[in-house]
Amino acid sequence: MNTSPISVTAIPTPPLARLIPGLALSAALALASIEASKNAWLQAHGFSALTVAIVLGMLIGNTVFPRVAAGCGSGVAFSKQNLLRLGIVLYGLRLTFQDISQVGVSGVIIDACMLTSTFALAYFVGVKMFKLDRNAVMLIGAGSSICGAAAVMATEPVLRARSEQVTVAVSTVVVFGSVAIFLYPLLHSLSFLQGHADFGVYIGSTVHEVAQVVAAARSIDEHTANTAVIAKMVRVMMLAPFLLILSAYVQRGKPAAQAGGKTSRLAGIPWFAFAFIGVVAIHSLFAIPAAVTGALLDADTFLLAMAMAALGLTTHLSSVRRAGMRPLLLGGLLFAWLIIGGALVNTVLDYLFR
């Protein structure tokens, strides 16, 4: 009788099946964050679903997640990378080219000046003076100069930054953007840029997150809020050309042999930025039913929340602590520039184009 052991060939797990546990966990956290963000207190203080999602993700990521990371890792990584790109593309449905006409030439130039000056200041101070990692500096600069957490997340795949670098950058957006919600109404009450339209553009061109813009501007009046949101949306629209320029800069610094030739260079282009522009164009040129747009925007919020939750799950607080105070100091310096330099830029350009 043959008593040799029977060899059992392991059945490989289908790729989709490996993604399901992590996707389910990211989705559950995203749903929880979206519901939590409907709380009146959180809304009044500018905490969006994305902000809540990364906090929930970090809480789970540093407690329970390490025990299930082996089974959930693939799906969480898919959420953080692939679903993020889709979410950024759908973000274009929040914008139209017609928004530009509502803030005028001066509003567009003000947004462009604040973006370029803030990012340049971040790079010079962060890399040259604070000696921070270049990727971490660029992420903090992107979050401060464009649209907060969404800009940080969109910049991450271009730089291929580490999770803890992304989290530190998002943290600066949360901290200083939250301060802005209370500070800007105070500045307005002190007769600072008192013209309603002027102050709305000032808020939209200098405050980090869209939700923070809304919270700060609504504390003044509805007219200021409307102007601020339009100015902010024009600033958000600049995300796509920013990503393309940044990608070209990053790729330019790599020798052809190191980058792996032409194929690798093409792979480094943020193609989702072109798709983002395409969605903005479609939304601008065609009348999309409100019900369809609303459903797609809800889906976009859900996808971005999943990406932020996944980011939180893969972030270790010990790595964030090791980053030290310098990233926070950089974020504070940029915040001061946005307030003071932003006031100067708004005043001068508004006077020139009046």
Protein backbone atom coordinates (compact mmCIF):
# COMPACT_ATOMS: atom_id res chain seq x y z
CA MET A 1 0.00 0.00 0.00
CA ASN A 2 1.31 3.41 -0.94
CA THR A 3 1.45 5.49 2.25
CA SER A 4 3.18 8.53 0.78
CA PRO A 5 1.49 11.80 1.71
CA ILE A 6 -0.88 13.31 -0.79
CA SER A 7 0.40 16.64 -2.06
CA VAL A 8 -2.22 19.34 -2.11
CA THR A 9 -1.75 22.16 -4.59
CA ALA A 10 -2.75 25.50 -3.11
CA ILE A 11 -5.48 27.25 -5.06
CA PRO A 12 -4.36 30.82 -5.71
CA THR A 13 -6.72 33.50 -4.52
CA PRO A 14 -8.25 35.46 -7.43
CA PRO A 15 -6.92 39.04 -7.59
CA LEU A 16 -10.41 40.53 -7.06
CA ALA A 17 -11.03 38.35 -4.02
CA ARG A 18 -7.83 39.63 -2.43
CA LEU A 19 -9.09 43.19 -2.77
CA ILE A 20 -12.52 42.68 -1.20
CA PRO A 21 -11.60 42.72 2.53
CA GLY A 22 -9.56 45.92 2.26
CA LEU A 23 -12.11 47.59 0.00
CA ALA A 24 -14.88 46.68 2.43
CA LEU A 25 -12.95 48.13 5.38
CA SER A 26 -12.15 51.35 3.49
CA ALA A 27 -15.79 51.63 2.36
CA ALA A 28 -17.11 51.14 5.90
CA LEU A 29 -14.85 53.88 7.24
CA ALA A 30 -15.82 56.15 4.34
CA LEU A 31 -19.54 55.68 5.02
CA ALA A 32 -19.00 56.35 8.73
CA SER A 33 -17.02 59.52 7.98
CA ILE A 34 -19.64 60.82 5.54
CA GLU A 35 -22.38 60.34 8.12
CA ALA A 36 -20.25 61.89 10.86
CA SER A 37 -19.47 64.92 8.68
CA LYS A 38 -23.19 65.75 8.59
CA ASN A 39 -22.96 66.69 12.25
CA ALA A 40 -23.78 70.40 12.66
CA TRP A 41 -20.77 71.11 14.88
CA LEU A 42 -18.32 69.48 12.46
CA GLN A 43 -19.85 71.34 9.52
CA ALA A 44 -19.67 74.67 11.37
CA HIS A 45 -15.98 74.08 12.02
CA GLY A 46 -15.13 73.09 8.43
CA PHE A 47 -14.46 69.38 9.00
CA SER A 48 -15.27 67.61 5.75
CA ALA A 49 -15.85 63.91 5.21
CA LEU A 50 -12.25 63.62 3.97
CA THR A 51 -10.84 65.03 7.19
CA VAL A 52 -13.00 62.76 9.32
CA ALA A 53 -12.05 59.76 7.15
CA ILE A 54 -8.31 60.13 7.70
CA VAL A 55 -8.83 60.55 11.45
CA LEU A 56 -10.97 57.40 11.63
CA GLY A 57 -8.46 55.58 9.46
CA MET A 58 -5.58 56.54 11.74
CA LEU A 59 -7.49 55.46 14.84
CA ILE A 60 -8.19 52.02 13.35
CA GLY A 61 -4.80 51.84 11.64
CA ASN A 62 -2.91 52.23 14.89
CA THR A 63 -5.08 49.87 16.95
CA VAL A 64 -7.00 47.10 15.20
CA PHE A 65 -5.74 47.16 11.60
CA PRO A 66 -2.27 45.62 12.20
CA ARG A 67 -4.03 42.36 13.18
CA VAL A 68 -5.88 42.14 9.85
CA ALA A 69 -3.39 43.94 7.62
CA ALA A 70 -2.24 40.73 5.91
CA GLY A 71 -5.73 40.06 4.57
CA CYS A 72 -6.79 43.66 3.95
CA GLY A 73 -3.56 45.20 2.68
CA SER A 74 -4.21 44.74 -1.06
CA GLY A 75 -7.66 46.32 -0.98
CA VAL A 76 -6.50 49.20 1.21
CA ALA A 77 -3.61 49.92 -1.18
CA PHE A 78 -6.04 49.81 -4.13
CA SER A 79 -8.28 52.35 -2.38
CA LYS A 80 -5.36 54.65 -1.59
CA GLN A 81 -3.98 54.61 -5.14
CA ASN A 82 -6.51 53.64 -7.83
CA LEU A 83 -9.72 54.91 -6.26
CA LEU A 84 -7.95 58.15 -5.41
CA ARG A 85 -7.24 58.84 -9.08
CA LEU A 86 -10.86 58.16 -10.03
CA GLY A 87 -12.02 60.44 -7.24
CA ILE A 88 -9.79 63.29 -8.47
CA VAL A 89 -11.16 62.85 -12.00
CA LEU A 90 -14.78 63.07 -10.81
CA TYR A 91 -13.83 66.11 -8.73
CA GLY A 92 -13.97 67.98 -12.04
CA LEU A 93 -17.77 67.85 -11.87
CA ARG A 94 -17.60 70.52 -9.17
CA LEU A 95 -16.10 73.01 -11.64
CA THR A 96 -16.92 74.74 -14.90
CA PHE A 97 -14.94 77.08 -17.10
CA GLN A 98 -17.77 79.59 -16.59
CA ASP A 99 -16.61 79.97 -12.96
CA ILE A 100 -13.63 81.89 -14.26
CA SER A 101 -15.79 84.67 -15.71
CA GLN A 102 -17.50 85.22 -12.35
CA VAL A 103 -14.30 86.25 -10.56
CA GLY A 104 -12.86 88.11 -13.52
CA VAL A 105 -9.30 88.40 -14.74
CA SER A 106 -8.10 89.80 -11.41
CA GLY A 107 -9.51 86.81 -9.49
CA VAL A 108 -7.74 84.34 -11.77
CA ILE A 109 -4.43 86.20 -11.52
CA ILE A 110 -4.76 86.48 -7.73
CA ASP A 111 -5.32 82.70 -7.49
CA ALA A 112 -2.35 82.02 -9.77
CA CYS A 113 -0.09 84.39 -7.82
CA MET A 114 -1.03 82.85 -4.48
CA LEU A 115 -0.52 79.30 -5.79
CA THR A 116 2.91 79.94 -7.28
CA SER A 117 4.21 82.15 -4.46
CA THR A 118 3.02 79.80 -1.71
CA PHE A 119 4.47 76.69 -3.34
CA ALA A 120 7.75 78.46 -4.14
CA LEU A 121 8.02 79.69 -0.55
CA ALA A 122 7.32 76.17 0.74
CA TYR A 123 10.08 74.70 -1.42
CA PHE A 124 12.67 77.34 -0.58
CA VAL A 125 12.08 77.37 3.18
CA GLY A 126 11.30 73.66 3.56
CA VAL A 127 14.20 72.29 1.54
CA LYS A 128 16.84 75.02 1.78
CA MET A 129 16.31 76.24 5.35
CA PHE A 130 14.47 73.52 7.30
CA LYS A 131 16.26 70.69 5.43
CA LEU A 132 13.06 68.67 5.15
CA ASP A 133 12.54 65.84 2.68
CA ARG A 134 11.65 67.24 -0.74
CA ASN A 135 8.52 65.13 -1.16
CA ALA A 136 7.20 66.14 2.26
CA VAL A 137 7.78 69.81 1.43
CA MET A 138 6.01 69.55 -1.91
CA LEU A 139 3.01 67.86 -0.32
CA ILE A 140 2.72 70.57 2.34
CA GLY A 141 3.15 73.22 -0.36
CA ALA A 142 0.46 71.67 -2.55
CA GLY A 143 -2.02 71.43 0.32
CA SER A 144 -1.45 75.05 1.35
CA SER A 145 -1.36 76.56 -2.13
CA ILE A 146 -4.23 74.77 -3.91
CA CYS A 147 -7.02 72.88 -2.18
CA GLY A 148 -5.93 71.19 1.02
CA ALA A 149 -6.23 67.45 1.46
CA ALA A 150 -7.47 66.81 -2.08
CA ALA A 151 -4.35 68.50 -3.51
CA VAL A 152 -2.09 66.54 -1.15
CA MET A 153 -3.72 63.27 -2.22
CA ALA A 154 -3.53 64.19 -5.91
CA THR A 155 0.16 65.10 -5.60
CA GLU A 156 1.09 61.89 -3.76
CA PRO A 157 1.05 59.55 -6.81
CA VAL A 158 3.15 62.03 -8.81
CA LEU A 159 5.82 62.12 -6.10
CA ARG A 160 5.28 58.53 -4.89
CA ALA A 161 5.48 59.85 -1.35
CA ARG A 162 5.24 57.79 1.83
CA SER A 163 1.99 57.53 3.80
CA GLU A 164 3.38 59.35 6.82
CA GLN A 165 4.50 62.26 4.62
CA VAL A 166 0.99 62.57 3.21
CA THR A 167 -0.52 62.45 6.68
CA VAL A 168 1.78 65.17 8.01
CA ALA A 169 0.85 67.38 5.04
CA VAL A 170 -2.86 66.78 5.59
CA SER A 171 -2.38 67.55 9.29
CA THR A 172 -1.04 71.02 8.48
CA VAL A 173 -4.13 71.64 6.34
CA VAL A 174 -6.44 70.56 9.17
CA VAL A 175 -4.67 72.60 11.86
CA PHE A 176 -4.20 75.91 10.05
CA GLY A 177 -7.36 75.65 7.96
CA SER A 178 -9.35 75.25 11.17
CA VAL A 179 -7.69 78.36 12.61
CA ALA A 180 -8.62 80.25 9.43
CA ILE A 181 -12.32 79.56 9.99
CA PHE A 182 -12.26 81.71 13.12
CA LEU A 183 -9.57 84.19 12.06
CA TYR A 184 -10.99 85.47 8.76
CA PRO A 185 -14.35 86.67 10.15
CA LEU A 186 -12.35 88.51 12.82
CA LEU A 187 -10.18 90.15 10.16
CA HIS A 188 -13.33 91.23 8.32
CA SER A 189 -14.81 92.74 11.48
CA LEU A 190 -11.63 94.80 11.87
CA SER A 191 -12.35 96.51 8.52
CA PHE A 192 -9.79 94.34 6.75
CA LEU A 193 -10.52 94.37 2.98
CA GLN A 194 -14.09 95.42 3.78
CA GLY A 195 -15.44 95.22 0.22
CA HIS A 196 -17.62 92.11 0.12
CA ALA A 197 -16.47 90.86 -3.28
CA ASP A 198 -12.83 91.66 -2.43
CA PHE A 199 -12.96 89.78 0.85
CA GLY A 200 -14.67 86.80 -0.76
CA VAL A 201 -11.85 86.50 -3.31
CA TYR A 202 -9.35 86.94 -0.47
CA ILE A 203 -10.86 84.00 1.43
CA GLY A 204 -11.14 81.81 -1.67
CA SER A 205 -7.56 82.50 -2.76
CA THR A 206 -5.93 81.88 0.63
CA VAL A 207 -7.88 79.37 2.76
CA HIS A 208 -6.84 75.71 2.39
CA GLU A 209 -9.94 73.48 2.06
CA VAL A 210 -13.20 74.10 0.20
CA ALA A 211 -15.15 73.22 3.36
CA GLN A 212 -13.04 75.66 5.37
CA VAL A 213 -13.67 78.39 2.78
CA VAL A 214 -17.41 77.84 3.08
CA ALA A 215 -17.33 77.83 6.89
CA ALA A 216 -15.23 81.02 7.12
CA ALA A 217 -17.14 82.96 4.45
CA ARG A 218 -20.62 82.05 5.66
CA SER A 219 -19.72 83.51 9.04
CA ILE A 220 -19.63 86.89 7.26
CA ASP A 221 -22.58 86.79 4.84
CA GLU A 222 -24.02 84.87 1.89
CA HIS A 223 -22.60 87.20 -0.78
CA THR A 224 -19.07 86.82 0.56
CA ALA A 225 -19.59 83.05 0.71
CA ASN A 226 -20.66 82.86 -2.94
CA THR A 227 -17.69 84.91 -4.14
CA ALA A 228 -15.28 82.93 -1.96
CA VAL A 229 -16.48 79.57 -3.26
CA ILE A 230 -16.15 80.68 -6.91
CA ALA A 231 -12.63 81.99 -6.28
CA LYS A 232 -11.77 78.73 -4.55
CA MET A 233 -13.13 76.65 -7.42
CA VAL A 234 -10.96 78.56 -9.89
CA ARG A 235 -7.99 77.82 -7.63
CA VAL A 236 -8.95 74.13 -7.55
CA MET A 237 -9.07 74.14 -11.35
CA MET A 238 -5.37 75.00 -11.33
CA LEU A 239 -4.65 71.58 -9.77
CA ALA A 240 -4.42 69.89 -13.18
CA PRO A 241 -1.75 72.14 -14.75
CA PHE A 242 0.10 72.12 -11.42
CA LEU A 243 0.28 68.31 -11.48
CA LEU A 244 1.47 68.27 -15.08
CA ILE A 245 4.24 70.80 -14.40
CA LEU A 246 5.25 69.00 -11.21
CA SER A 247 5.36 65.66 -13.02
CA ALA A 248 7.60 67.12 -15.74
CA TYR A 249 9.89 68.57 -13.07
CA VAL A 250 10.13 65.28 -11.17
CA GLN A 251 10.80 63.26 -14.33
CA ARG A 252 13.34 65.81 -15.58
CA GLY A 253 15.53 65.09 -12.59
CA LYS A 254 15.88 61.41 -13.45
CA PRO A 255 18.43 60.05 -15.97
CA ALA A 256 16.88 58.00 -18.77
CA ALA A 257 18.58 54.82 -17.62
CA GLN A 258 17.40 55.28 -14.04
CA ALA A 259 13.86 56.14 -15.11
CA GLY A 260 13.71 53.03 -17.30
CA GLY A 261 13.47 54.76 -20.65
CA LYS A 262 10.56 56.27 -22.51
CA THR A 263 7.94 53.84 -21.18
CA SER A 264 8.73 54.72 -17.59
CA ARG A 265 8.64 58.43 -18.34
CA LEU A 266 5.19 58.08 -19.92
CA ALA A 267 4.06 56.11 -16.89
CA GLY A 268 5.16 59.01 -14.70
CA ILE A 269 2.73 61.43 -16.38
CA PRO A 270 -0.36 61.97 -14.20
CA TRP A 271 -2.88 60.96 -16.85
CA PHE A 272 -5.72 61.41 -14.39
CA ALA A 273 -4.99 65.17 -14.56
CA PHE A 274 -5.94 65.15 -18.25
CA ALA A 275 -9.09 63.22 -17.40
CA PHE A 276 -9.83 65.80 -14.70
CA ILE A 277 -9.63 68.60 -17.31
CA GLY A 278 -11.83 66.54 -19.63
CA VAL A 279 -14.53 66.17 -16.98
CA VAL A 280 -14.42 69.94 -16.30
CA ALA A 281 -14.83 70.55 -20.06
CA ILE A 282 -17.79 68.16 -20.29
CA HIS A 283 -19.43 69.78 -17.28
CA SER A 284 -18.86 73.20 -18.84
CA LEU A 285 -20.11 72.44 -22.36
CA PHE A 286 -22.97 70.01 -21.80
CA ALA A 287 -26.09 70.20 -19.68
CA ILE A 288 -25.81 67.18 -17.38
CA PRO A 289 -29.05 66.40 -15.49
CA ALA A 290 -28.87 67.58 -11.90
CA ALA A 291 -29.79 64.13 -10.61
CA VAL A 292 -26.89 62.54 -12.51
CA THR A 293 -24.42 65.19 -11.36
CA GLY A 294 -25.59 64.84 -7.75
CA ALA A 295 -25.18 61.06 -7.85
CA LEU A 296 -21.70 61.32 -9.36
CA LEU A 297 -20.65 63.93 -6.78
CA ASP A 298 -21.87 61.66 -3.98
CA ALA A 299 -19.86 58.83 -5.53
CA ASP A 300 -16.83 61.13 -5.77
CA THR A 301 -17.05 62.06 -2.09
CA PHE A 302 -17.32 58.37 -1.24
CA LEU A 303 -14.27 57.43 -3.36
CA LEU A 304 -12.13 60.22 -1.91
CA ALA A 305 -13.24 59.31 1.60
CA MET A 306 -12.23 55.70 0.93
CA ALA A 307 -8.81 56.90 -0.23
CA MET A 308 -8.36 59.08 2.86
CA ALA A 309 -9.48 56.26 5.16
CA ALA A 310 -6.99 53.93 3.46
CA LEU A 311 -4.27 56.51 3.93
CA GLY A 312 -5.05 56.69 7.63
CA LEU A 313 -5.02 52.91 7.93
CA THR A 314 -1.48 52.72 6.54
CA THR A 315 -0.09 55.62 8.60
CA HIS A 316 1.88 54.84 11.74
CA LEU A 317 1.80 57.55 14.39
CA SER A 318 5.38 56.77 15.32
CA SER A 319 6.45 57.83 11.81
CA VAL A 320 4.48 61.06 12.11
CA ARG A 321 6.10 61.81 15.47
CA ARG A 322 9.54 61.25 13.98
CA ALA A 323 8.79 64.00 11.45
CA GLY A 324 9.06 66.47 14.35
CA MET A 325 7.96 70.09 14.57
CA ARG A 326 9.58 71.38 11.38
CA PRO A 327 6.71 70.38 9.03
CA LEU A 328 4.25 72.10 11.37
CA LEU A 329 6.45 75.19 11.46
CA LEU A 330 6.56 75.19 7.67
CA GLY A 331 2.77 74.92 7.53
CA GLY A 332 2.52 77.82 9.99
CA LEU A 333 4.86 79.98 7.92
CA LEU A 334 2.84 79.30 4.78
CA PHE A 335 -0.35 80.12 6.69
CA ALA A 336 1.13 83.48 7.72
CA TRP A 337 2.07 84.17 4.10
CA LEU A 338 -1.43 83.29 2.91
CA ILE A 339 -2.91 85.80 5.35
CA ILE A 340 -0.42 88.68 5.03
CA GLY A 341 0.92 88.12 1.53
CA GLY A 342 -2.57 87.21 0.33
CA ALA A 343 -3.93 90.51 1.62
CA LEU A 344 -1.19 92.40 -0.19
CA VAL A 345 -1.66 90.52 -3.47
CA ASN A 346 -5.46 90.92 -3.32
CA THR A 347 -5.24 94.63 -2.57
CA VAL A 348 -2.69 95.47 -5.28
CA LEU A 349 -4.23 93.38 -8.07
CA ASP A 350 -7.78 94.41 -7.24
CA TYR A 351 -6.65 98.07 -7.47
CA LEU A 352 -4.87 97.49 -10.80
CA PHE A 353 -7.82 95.74 -12.45
CA ARG A 354 -10.60 97.88 -10.95
